[in-house]
Amino acid sequence: MTDREQYAPGPAGGAQVRKDGEKWTLVLVRELRHAPAKVWQALTDPAQLREWAPFDADGSLGTVGSKVKLTTVGAPGPHVTETTVTRADAPTVLEYNWGGFDMRWQLDALGGGTRLTLWTNIARRFISMGAAGWHICFDVLDHLLGGTPIGRIVGPDAMKFGGWRRLNAEYAKQFGNP
């Protein structure tokens, strides 16, 4: 049995929702056992993003002002958006916009590892789905950084995955009617 076949996400956790006027923000926090510099590489390097993120990047996200095309994986049709990196303070803060959604990544050193926090605005009706999807992405990222990659699980493939359905239900229950 492969690591991917054995993979099952843990319970929903590390997520919260904030509302500011009509804007909803999903905040996800994960503690990783890898140093901030290593996590930073995985957040900015196109080759590593292809292993875990829900989009492909045609260039590095590690430099302020970089213009990068982000292609959503598994979208029904081609969904490519160009972003400009607005903040890149290696290895602590990364900000850009993906398809109209602001993305802010913060990496805090925690012992020998990293507390990774993602803030992303999201449509209210997709909050539990987004939390479940990012939960799995973070698990895949942790496996990748640990040297036991299980392959990207995103988009429609993630939604067919039993662990995603359970997480979606758990996050929906957790957030109730935000």
N, C-alpha and C. Protein backbone atom coordinates (compact mmCIF):
# COMPACT_ATOMS: atom_id res chain seq x y z
N MET A 1 0.84 -1.17 0.00
CA MET A 1 0.00 0.00 0.00
C MET A 1 0.90 1.25 0.00
N THR A 2 0.58 2.22 -0.85
CA THR A 2 1.40 3.42 -0.93
C THR A 2 1.01 4.40 0.17
N ASP A 3 1.89 5.39 0.39
CA ASP A 3 1.59 6.43 1.38
C ASP A 3 0.28 7.14 1.04
N ARG A 4 0.02 7.34 -0.26
CA ARG A 4 -1.21 8.01 -0.66
C ARG A 4 -2.43 7.17 -0.30
N GLU A 5 -2.34 5.85 -0.52
CA GLU A 5 -3.47 4.97 -0.18
C GLU A 5 -3.69 4.92 1.33
N GLN A 6 -2.64 5.09 2.09
CA GLN A 6 -2.75 5.05 3.55
C GLN A 6 -3.16 6.40 4.13
N TYR A 7 -3.03 7.47 3.34
CA TYR A 7 -3.31 8.82 3.84
C TYR A 7 -4.78 9.00 4.19
N ALA A 8 -5.01 9.53 5.37
CA ALA A 8 -6.35 9.93 5.79
C ALA A 8 -6.17 11.20 6.61
N PRO A 9 -6.85 12.29 6.23
CA PRO A 9 -6.68 13.53 6.98
C PRO A 9 -7.22 13.41 8.40
N GLY A 10 -6.57 14.15 9.28
CA GLY A 10 -7.04 14.21 10.66
C GLY A 10 -8.33 15.01 10.74
N PRO A 11 -8.86 15.18 11.95
CA PRO A 11 -10.12 15.90 12.12
C PRO A 11 -9.98 17.38 11.74
N ALA A 12 -11.09 17.99 11.41
CA ALA A 12 -11.12 19.42 11.10
C ALA A 12 -10.56 20.19 12.28
N GLY A 13 -9.76 21.19 11.98
CA GLY A 13 -9.18 22.00 13.04
C GLY A 13 -8.23 23.03 12.46
N GLY A 14 -7.90 24.02 13.26
CA GLY A 14 -6.94 25.03 12.83
C GLY A 14 -7.51 26.02 11.85
N ALA A 15 -8.84 26.12 11.78
CA ALA A 15 -9.46 27.05 10.83
C ALA A 15 -10.46 27.94 11.57
N GLN A 16 -10.57 29.15 11.10
CA GLN A 16 -11.60 30.06 11.60
C GLN A 16 -12.05 30.96 10.46
N VAL A 17 -13.16 31.61 10.68
CA VAL A 17 -13.73 32.51 9.67
C VAL A 17 -13.90 33.88 10.30
N ARG A 18 -13.59 34.90 9.52
CA ARG A 18 -13.80 36.28 9.96
C ARG A 18 -14.65 36.99 8.92
N LYS A 19 -15.51 37.87 9.41
CA LYS A 19 -16.37 38.64 8.51
C LYS A 19 -16.11 40.12 8.75
N ASP A 20 -15.87 40.84 7.66
CA ASP A 20 -15.66 42.28 7.71
C ASP A 20 -16.58 42.89 6.66
N GLY A 21 -17.72 43.40 7.10
CA GLY A 21 -18.72 43.88 6.15
C GLY A 21 -19.26 42.70 5.37
N GLU A 22 -19.13 42.75 4.06
CA GLU A 22 -19.58 41.64 3.21
C GLU A 22 -18.43 40.70 2.84
N LYS A 23 -17.25 40.98 3.34
CA LYS A 23 -16.06 40.19 3.00
C LYS A 23 -15.82 39.10 4.04
N TRP A 24 -15.69 37.87 3.57
CA TRP A 24 -15.40 36.72 4.43
C TRP A 24 -13.94 36.32 4.24
N THR A 25 -13.27 36.00 5.33
CA THR A 25 -11.89 35.56 5.27
C THR A 25 -11.76 34.23 6.01
N LEU A 26 -11.17 33.28 5.33
CA LEU A 26 -10.86 31.98 5.93
C LEU A 26 -9.43 32.06 6.43
N VAL A 27 -9.22 31.70 7.69
CA VAL A 27 -7.88 31.71 8.29
C VAL A 27 -7.55 30.28 8.69
N LEU A 28 -6.45 29.77 8.15
CA LEU A 28 -6.02 28.40 8.43
C LEU A 28 -4.64 28.43 9.05
N VAL A 29 -4.47 27.67 10.12
CA VAL A 29 -3.19 27.61 10.81
C VAL A 29 -2.75 26.14 10.89
N ARG A 30 -1.51 25.91 10.56
CA ARG A 30 -0.96 24.55 10.64
C ARG A 30 0.45 24.63 11.17
N GLU A 31 0.77 23.76 12.10
CA GLU A 31 2.14 23.65 12.58
C GLU A 31 2.83 22.56 11.79
N LEU A 32 3.95 22.94 11.19
CA LEU A 32 4.75 22.02 10.38
C LEU A 32 6.08 21.79 11.07
N ARG A 33 6.62 20.62 10.91
CA ARG A 33 7.88 20.28 11.59
C ARG A 33 9.11 20.65 10.75
N HIS A 34 8.94 21.60 9.85
CA HIS A 34 10.00 22.00 8.93
C HIS A 34 10.32 23.48 9.14
N ALA A 35 11.58 23.86 8.94
CA ALA A 35 12.03 25.23 9.15
C ALA A 35 11.33 26.20 8.19
N PRO A 36 11.15 27.46 8.62
CA PRO A 36 10.50 28.46 7.76
C PRO A 36 11.12 28.57 6.36
N ALA A 37 12.44 28.50 6.26
CA ALA A 37 13.08 28.62 4.94
C ALA A 37 12.64 27.50 4.00
N LYS A 38 12.49 26.31 4.53
CA LYS A 38 12.06 25.16 3.72
C LYS A 38 10.59 25.32 3.30
N VAL A 39 9.74 25.79 4.23
CA VAL A 39 8.33 26.01 3.92
C VAL A 39 8.20 27.14 2.90
N TRP A 40 8.99 28.20 3.05
CA TRP A 40 8.98 29.33 2.12
C TRP A 40 9.25 28.85 0.70
N GLN A 41 10.24 27.99 0.54
CA GLN A 41 10.55 27.44 -0.80
C GLN A 41 9.33 26.74 -1.40
N ALA A 42 8.62 25.97 -0.57
CA ALA A 42 7.45 25.24 -1.06
C ALA A 42 6.31 26.18 -1.44
N LEU A 43 6.26 27.36 -0.82
CA LEU A 43 5.21 28.34 -1.12
C LEU A 43 5.52 29.18 -2.35
N THR A 44 6.79 29.23 -2.75
CA THR A 44 7.18 30.16 -3.81
C THR A 44 7.74 29.49 -5.06
N ASP A 45 8.27 28.30 -4.95
CA ASP A 45 8.92 27.61 -6.06
C ASP A 45 7.90 26.86 -6.91
N PRO A 46 7.83 27.17 -8.22
CA PRO A 46 6.83 26.53 -9.08
C PRO A 46 6.88 25.00 -9.06
N ALA A 47 8.07 24.42 -9.02
CA ALA A 47 8.18 22.95 -9.03
C ALA A 47 7.56 22.36 -7.76
N GLN A 48 7.77 23.01 -6.63
CA GLN A 48 7.19 22.50 -5.38
C GLN A 48 5.69 22.77 -5.32
N LEU A 49 5.26 23.92 -5.80
CA LEU A 49 3.82 24.22 -5.81
C LEU A 49 3.05 23.16 -6.59
N ARG A 50 3.64 22.67 -7.69
CA ARG A 50 2.99 21.63 -8.51
C ARG A 50 2.75 20.34 -7.74
N GLU A 51 3.44 20.17 -6.63
CA GLU A 51 3.32 18.95 -5.84
C GLU A 51 2.21 19.00 -4.80
N TRP A 52 1.72 20.22 -4.44
CA TRP A 52 0.77 20.30 -3.34
C TRP A 52 -0.32 21.37 -3.48
N ALA A 53 -0.07 22.44 -4.20
CA ALA A 53 -0.99 23.59 -4.23
C ALA A 53 -2.13 23.37 -5.24
N PRO A 54 -3.24 24.11 -5.07
CA PRO A 54 -4.36 23.97 -5.99
C PRO A 54 -4.18 24.77 -7.29
N PHE A 55 -2.97 25.25 -7.52
CA PHE A 55 -2.68 25.97 -8.75
C PHE A 55 -1.24 25.70 -9.16
N ASP A 56 -0.97 25.89 -10.45
CA ASP A 56 0.38 25.86 -10.98
C ASP A 56 0.83 27.29 -11.18
N ALA A 57 2.11 27.56 -10.99
CA ALA A 57 2.67 28.89 -11.20
C ALA A 57 3.72 28.80 -12.30
N ASP A 58 3.73 29.82 -13.18
CA ASP A 58 4.72 29.79 -14.26
C ASP A 58 6.01 30.53 -13.89
N GLY A 59 6.13 30.91 -12.64
CA GLY A 59 7.34 31.57 -12.16
C GLY A 59 7.34 31.59 -10.65
N SER A 60 8.43 32.08 -10.08
CA SER A 60 8.56 32.14 -8.63
C SER A 60 7.68 33.22 -8.03
N LEU A 61 7.08 32.90 -6.89
CA LEU A 61 6.28 33.87 -6.14
C LEU A 61 7.13 34.54 -5.05
N GLY A 62 8.43 34.37 -5.08
CA GLY A 62 9.29 34.81 -4.00
C GLY A 62 9.82 36.23 -4.07
N THR A 63 9.43 37.02 -5.07
CA THR A 63 9.97 38.37 -5.22
C THR A 63 8.84 39.38 -5.43
N VAL A 64 8.87 40.46 -4.66
CA VAL A 64 7.87 41.52 -4.82
C VAL A 64 7.93 42.06 -6.24
N GLY A 65 6.76 42.26 -6.82
CA GLY A 65 6.66 42.81 -8.17
C GLY A 65 6.65 41.75 -9.26
N SER A 66 6.99 40.51 -8.92
CA SER A 66 6.96 39.44 -9.93
C SER A 66 5.55 39.27 -10.45
N LYS A 67 5.43 39.15 -11.76
CA LYS A 67 4.15 38.85 -12.38
C LYS A 67 4.16 37.37 -12.74
N VAL A 68 3.20 36.64 -12.18
CA VAL A 68 3.18 35.18 -12.32
C VAL A 68 1.78 34.75 -12.75
N LYS A 69 1.72 33.85 -13.71
CA LYS A 69 0.42 33.28 -14.10
C LYS A 69 0.15 32.07 -13.22
N LEU A 70 -1.03 32.08 -12.60
CA LEU A 70 -1.46 30.97 -11.75
C LEU A 70 -2.61 30.26 -12.46
N THR A 71 -2.46 28.96 -12.67
CA THR A 71 -3.46 28.15 -13.36
C THR A 71 -4.11 27.22 -12.35
N THR A 72 -5.41 27.39 -12.17
CA THR A 72 -6.15 26.56 -11.23
C THR A 72 -6.18 25.12 -11.74
N VAL A 73 -5.84 24.19 -10.88
CA VAL A 73 -5.81 22.77 -11.25
C VAL A 73 -7.21 22.19 -11.09
N GLY A 74 -7.65 21.47 -12.12
CA GLY A 74 -8.92 20.77 -12.05
C GLY A 74 -10.14 21.63 -12.33
N ALA A 75 -9.93 22.87 -12.77
CA ALA A 75 -11.08 23.72 -13.12
C ALA A 75 -11.76 23.13 -14.34
N PRO A 76 -13.10 23.32 -14.48
CA PRO A 76 -13.82 22.75 -15.62
C PRO A 76 -13.26 23.21 -16.96
N GLY A 77 -12.77 24.42 -17.03
CA GLY A 77 -12.11 24.94 -18.22
C GLY A 77 -10.84 25.62 -17.78
N PRO A 78 -10.01 26.03 -18.72
CA PRO A 78 -8.76 26.71 -18.32
C PRO A 78 -9.08 27.94 -17.47
N HIS A 79 -8.47 28.03 -16.33
CA HIS A 79 -8.66 29.18 -15.45
C HIS A 79 -7.29 29.70 -15.06
N VAL A 80 -6.82 30.71 -15.83
CA VAL A 80 -5.50 31.27 -15.62
C VAL A 80 -5.66 32.72 -15.21
N THR A 81 -5.00 33.09 -14.12
CA THR A 81 -5.02 34.48 -13.69
C THR A 81 -3.59 34.95 -13.51
N GLU A 82 -3.37 36.22 -13.84
CA GLU A 82 -2.04 36.77 -13.61
C GLU A 82 -2.05 37.50 -12.29
N THR A 83 -1.04 37.26 -11.50
CA THR A 83 -0.92 37.94 -10.21
C THR A 83 0.38 38.69 -10.16
N THR A 84 0.41 39.67 -9.30
CA THR A 84 1.64 40.38 -8.99
C THR A 84 1.90 40.16 -7.50
N VAL A 85 3.07 39.70 -7.18
CA VAL A 85 3.42 39.49 -5.78
C VAL A 85 3.53 40.87 -5.12
N THR A 86 2.72 41.11 -4.09
CA THR A 86 2.69 42.42 -3.45
C THR A 86 3.57 42.48 -2.20
N ARG A 87 3.89 41.33 -1.64
CA ARG A 87 4.80 41.29 -0.49
C ARG A 87 5.50 39.95 -0.47
N ALA A 88 6.81 39.99 -0.27
CA ALA A 88 7.61 38.77 -0.20
C ALA A 88 8.78 39.02 0.75
N ASP A 89 8.52 38.86 2.03
CA ASP A 89 9.55 39.03 3.05
C ASP A 89 10.00 37.64 3.49
N ALA A 90 10.96 37.09 2.73
CA ALA A 90 11.42 35.73 2.99
C ALA A 90 12.08 35.63 4.36
N PRO A 91 11.87 34.61 5.12
CA PRO A 91 10.87 33.57 4.95
C PRO A 91 9.67 33.76 5.89
N THR A 92 9.11 34.97 5.94
CA THR A 92 8.07 35.20 6.93
C THR A 92 6.69 35.58 6.38
N VAL A 93 6.62 36.41 5.33
CA VAL A 93 5.31 36.86 4.83
C VAL A 93 5.31 36.89 3.30
N LEU A 94 4.24 36.35 2.73
CA LEU A 94 4.05 36.33 1.28
C LEU A 94 2.61 36.75 0.99
N GLU A 95 2.44 37.71 0.06
CA GLU A 95 1.10 38.17 -0.30
C GLU A 95 0.97 38.33 -1.81
N TYR A 96 -0.17 37.88 -2.32
CA TYR A 96 -0.52 38.03 -3.73
C TYR A 96 -2.02 37.80 -3.85
N ASN A 97 -2.54 37.92 -5.06
CA ASN A 97 -3.96 37.71 -5.29
C ASN A 97 -4.09 36.55 -6.28
N TRP A 98 -4.96 35.59 -5.96
CA TRP A 98 -5.17 34.44 -6.84
C TRP A 98 -6.62 34.45 -7.28
N GLY A 99 -6.86 34.79 -8.53
CA GLY A 99 -8.21 34.76 -9.09
C GLY A 99 -9.19 35.65 -8.36
N GLY A 100 -8.73 36.80 -7.87
CA GLY A 100 -9.61 37.71 -7.17
C GLY A 100 -9.63 37.50 -5.66
N PHE A 101 -8.88 36.53 -5.18
CA PHE A 101 -8.85 36.24 -3.75
C PHE A 101 -7.48 36.62 -3.19
N ASP A 102 -7.48 37.50 -2.20
CA ASP A 102 -6.23 37.90 -1.55
C ASP A 102 -5.68 36.72 -0.76
N MET A 103 -4.40 36.49 -0.91
CA MET A 103 -3.72 35.40 -0.21
C MET A 103 -2.60 36.01 0.63
N ARG A 104 -2.62 35.73 1.93
CA ARG A 104 -1.55 36.19 2.81
C ARG A 104 -1.06 34.98 3.59
N TRP A 105 0.22 34.68 3.41
CA TRP A 105 0.86 33.57 4.10
C TRP A 105 1.82 34.14 5.14
N GLN A 106 1.76 33.65 6.36
CA GLN A 106 2.70 34.07 7.39
C GLN A 106 3.37 32.82 7.94
N LEU A 107 4.69 32.89 8.06
CA LEU A 107 5.48 31.78 8.58
C LEU A 107 6.17 32.24 9.85
N ASP A 108 5.85 31.62 10.97
CA ASP A 108 6.47 31.94 12.24
C ASP A 108 7.28 30.75 12.71
N ALA A 109 8.55 31.02 13.06
CA ALA A 109 9.40 29.95 13.59
C ALA A 109 8.78 29.44 14.89
N LEU A 110 8.75 28.12 15.02
CA LEU A 110 8.15 27.48 16.18
C LEU A 110 9.01 26.28 16.53
N GLY A 111 9.87 26.43 17.53
CA GLY A 111 10.82 25.37 17.82
C GLY A 111 11.69 25.17 16.59
N GLY A 112 11.79 23.95 16.11
CA GLY A 112 12.53 23.68 14.88
C GLY A 112 11.65 23.71 13.65
N GLY A 113 10.38 24.06 13.84
CA GLY A 113 9.43 24.04 12.73
C GLY A 113 8.84 25.41 12.44
N THR A 114 7.64 25.38 11.87
CA THR A 114 6.98 26.60 11.42
C THR A 114 5.49 26.55 11.73
N ARG A 115 4.97 27.67 12.22
CA ARG A 115 3.51 27.85 12.28
C ARG A 115 3.15 28.59 11.01
N LEU A 116 2.42 27.91 10.13
CA LEU A 116 2.02 28.47 8.84
C LEU A 116 0.58 28.95 8.97
N THR A 117 0.35 30.23 8.63
CA THR A 117 -1.00 30.79 8.67
C THR A 117 -1.34 31.34 7.30
N LEU A 118 -2.50 30.95 6.79
CA LEU A 118 -3.02 31.46 5.52
C LEU A 118 -4.30 32.23 5.78
N TRP A 119 -4.36 33.45 5.27
CA TRP A 119 -5.59 34.23 5.25
C TRP A 119 -6.00 34.33 3.79
N THR A 120 -7.22 33.98 3.46
CA THR A 120 -7.71 34.13 2.10
C THR A 120 -9.18 34.52 2.13
N ASN A 121 -9.52 35.54 1.33
CA ASN A 121 -10.93 35.87 1.27
C ASN A 121 -11.63 34.81 0.43
N ILE A 122 -12.91 34.59 0.73
CA ILE A 122 -13.64 33.47 0.14
C ILE A 122 -15.13 33.79 0.15
N ALA A 123 -15.83 33.29 -0.85
CA ALA A 123 -17.28 33.45 -0.86
C ALA A 123 -17.87 32.63 0.29
N ARG A 124 -18.85 33.19 0.97
CA ARG A 124 -19.43 32.56 2.15
C ARG A 124 -19.84 31.10 1.90
N ARG A 125 -20.45 30.83 0.75
CA ARG A 125 -20.97 29.48 0.48
C ARG A 125 -19.87 28.44 0.28
N PHE A 126 -18.62 28.88 0.11
CA PHE A 126 -17.51 27.95 -0.12
C PHE A 126 -16.59 27.79 1.08
N ILE A 127 -16.95 28.36 2.23
CA ILE A 127 -16.05 28.35 3.39
C ILE A 127 -15.67 26.94 3.82
N SER A 128 -16.64 26.06 4.04
CA SER A 128 -16.30 24.71 4.52
C SER A 128 -15.55 23.92 3.44
N MET A 129 -15.93 24.13 2.18
CA MET A 129 -15.23 23.45 1.08
C MET A 129 -13.77 23.92 1.00
N GLY A 130 -13.59 25.24 1.12
CA GLY A 130 -12.24 25.79 1.08
C GLY A 130 -11.39 25.31 2.24
N ALA A 131 -11.98 25.28 3.43
CA ALA A 131 -11.24 24.80 4.60
C ALA A 131 -10.82 23.35 4.42
N ALA A 132 -11.74 22.52 3.91
CA ALA A 132 -11.41 21.11 3.68
C ALA A 132 -10.31 20.96 2.63
N GLY A 133 -10.42 21.72 1.56
CA GLY A 133 -9.41 21.65 0.49
C GLY A 133 -8.04 22.08 0.97
N TRP A 134 -7.96 23.21 1.66
CA TRP A 134 -6.67 23.68 2.16
C TRP A 134 -6.12 22.74 3.24
N HIS A 135 -6.98 22.15 4.05
CA HIS A 135 -6.55 21.18 5.06
C HIS A 135 -5.77 20.05 4.38
N ILE A 136 -6.35 19.52 3.30
CA ILE A 136 -5.68 18.43 2.57
C ILE A 136 -4.41 18.94 1.90
N CYS A 137 -4.45 20.14 1.31
CA CYS A 137 -3.23 20.71 0.70
C CYS A 137 -2.11 20.81 1.73
N PHE A 138 -2.44 21.26 2.94
CA PHE A 138 -1.42 21.38 3.98
C PHE A 138 -0.88 20.02 4.39
N ASP A 139 -1.74 18.99 4.43
CA ASP A 139 -1.27 17.64 4.71
C ASP A 139 -0.30 17.18 3.63
N VAL A 140 -0.68 17.40 2.37
CA VAL A 140 0.18 17.00 1.24
C VAL A 140 1.50 17.75 1.31
N LEU A 141 1.44 19.04 1.64
CA LEU A 141 2.66 19.85 1.80
C LEU A 141 3.55 19.26 2.88
N ASP A 142 2.98 18.89 4.02
CA ASP A 142 3.76 18.32 5.12
C ASP A 142 4.44 17.02 4.68
N HIS A 143 3.73 16.18 3.96
CA HIS A 143 4.34 14.94 3.44
C HIS A 143 5.48 15.26 2.48
N LEU A 144 5.25 16.22 1.58
CA LEU A 144 6.28 16.61 0.60
C LEU A 144 7.54 17.07 1.32
N LEU A 145 7.37 17.99 2.27
CA LEU A 145 8.53 18.52 2.99
C LEU A 145 9.22 17.46 3.84
N GLY A 146 8.47 16.47 4.28
CA GLY A 146 9.04 15.39 5.07
C GLY A 146 9.72 14.30 4.24
N GLY A 147 9.68 14.46 2.92
CA GLY A 147 10.35 13.49 2.04
C GLY A 147 9.51 12.27 1.70
N THR A 148 8.21 12.31 2.02
CA THR A 148 7.31 11.20 1.69
C THR A 148 6.12 11.74 0.88
N PRO A 149 6.39 12.27 -0.33
CA PRO A 149 5.31 12.89 -1.10
C PRO A 149 4.19 11.90 -1.42
N ILE A 150 2.95 12.39 -1.35
CA ILE A 150 1.79 11.54 -1.68
C ILE A 150 1.07 12.04 -2.93
N GLY A 151 1.55 13.14 -3.50
CA GLY A 151 0.95 13.67 -4.71
C GLY A 151 -0.19 14.64 -4.39
N ARG A 152 -0.33 15.58 -5.27
CA ARG A 152 -1.34 16.63 -5.09
C ARG A 152 -2.75 16.05 -5.09
N ILE A 153 -3.58 16.55 -4.17
CA ILE A 153 -5.00 16.15 -4.07
C ILE A 153 -5.80 17.45 -4.02
N VAL A 154 -6.27 17.90 -5.19
CA VAL A 154 -6.96 19.19 -5.27
C VAL A 154 -8.15 19.12 -6.22
N GLY A 155 -8.97 20.17 -6.18
CA GLY A 155 -10.08 20.31 -7.12
C GLY A 155 -11.02 19.13 -7.08
N PRO A 156 -11.53 18.74 -8.26
CA PRO A 156 -12.48 17.62 -8.32
C PRO A 156 -11.92 16.33 -7.75
N ASP A 157 -10.61 16.10 -7.89
CA ASP A 157 -10.00 14.89 -7.32
C ASP A 157 -10.14 14.89 -5.80
N ALA A 158 -9.93 16.05 -5.18
CA ALA A 158 -10.07 16.14 -3.72
C ALA A 158 -11.51 15.90 -3.31
N MET A 159 -12.45 16.43 -4.09
CA MET A 159 -13.86 16.32 -3.73
C MET A 159 -14.36 14.87 -3.83
N LYS A 160 -13.67 14.03 -4.61
CA LYS A 160 -14.03 12.61 -4.71
C LYS A 160 -13.40 11.80 -3.58
N PHE A 161 -12.47 12.40 -2.89
CA PHE A 161 -11.70 11.75 -1.85
C PHE A 161 -12.54 11.70 -0.57
N GLY A 162 -12.69 10.53 0.00
CA GLY A 162 -13.54 10.37 1.18
C GLY A 162 -13.15 11.27 2.34
N GLY A 163 -11.87 11.48 2.52
CA GLY A 163 -11.42 12.36 3.59
C GLY A 163 -11.90 13.79 3.40
N TRP A 164 -11.97 14.23 2.14
CA TRP A 164 -12.46 15.58 1.88
C TRP A 164 -13.93 15.71 2.25
N ARG A 165 -14.74 14.74 1.91
CA ARG A 165 -16.17 14.80 2.23
C ARG A 165 -16.38 14.88 3.74
N ARG A 166 -15.62 14.09 4.49
CA ARG A 166 -15.72 14.13 5.94
C ARG A 166 -15.30 15.48 6.47
N LEU A 167 -14.16 16.00 5.98
CA LEU A 167 -13.68 17.30 6.43
C LEU A 167 -14.67 18.41 6.10
N ASN A 168 -15.23 18.37 4.89
CA ASN A 168 -16.20 19.39 4.49
C ASN A 168 -17.37 19.40 5.47
N ALA A 169 -17.86 18.22 5.82
CA ALA A 169 -18.98 18.13 6.77
C ALA A 169 -18.57 18.64 8.15
N GLU A 170 -17.36 18.28 8.60
CA GLU A 170 -16.88 18.72 9.91
C GLU A 170 -16.71 20.24 9.96
N TYR A 171 -16.14 20.81 8.91
CA TYR A 171 -15.97 22.26 8.89
C TYR A 171 -17.32 22.96 8.78
N ALA A 172 -18.24 22.41 8.01
CA ALA A 172 -19.59 23.00 7.91
C ALA A 172 -20.26 23.02 9.28
N LYS A 173 -20.10 21.95 10.03
CA LYS A 173 -20.67 21.89 11.38
C LYS A 173 -19.97 22.88 12.30
N GLN A 174 -18.64 22.96 12.19
CA GLN A 174 -17.85 23.87 13.02
C GLN A 174 -18.25 25.32 12.79
N PHE A 175 -18.41 25.70 11.52
CA PHE A 175 -18.70 27.09 11.20
C PHE A 175 -20.19 27.39 11.27
N GLY A 176 -21.01 26.34 11.30
CA GLY A 176 -22.45 26.54 11.36
C GLY A 176 -22.89 27.48 10.25
N ASN A 177 -23.55 28.52 10.61
CA ASN A 177 -24.00 29.51 9.64
C ASN A 177 -23.21 30.78 9.90
N PRO A 178 -22.00 30.91 9.28
CA PRO A 178 -21.09 32.00 9.64
C PRO A 178 -21.65 33.37 9.58
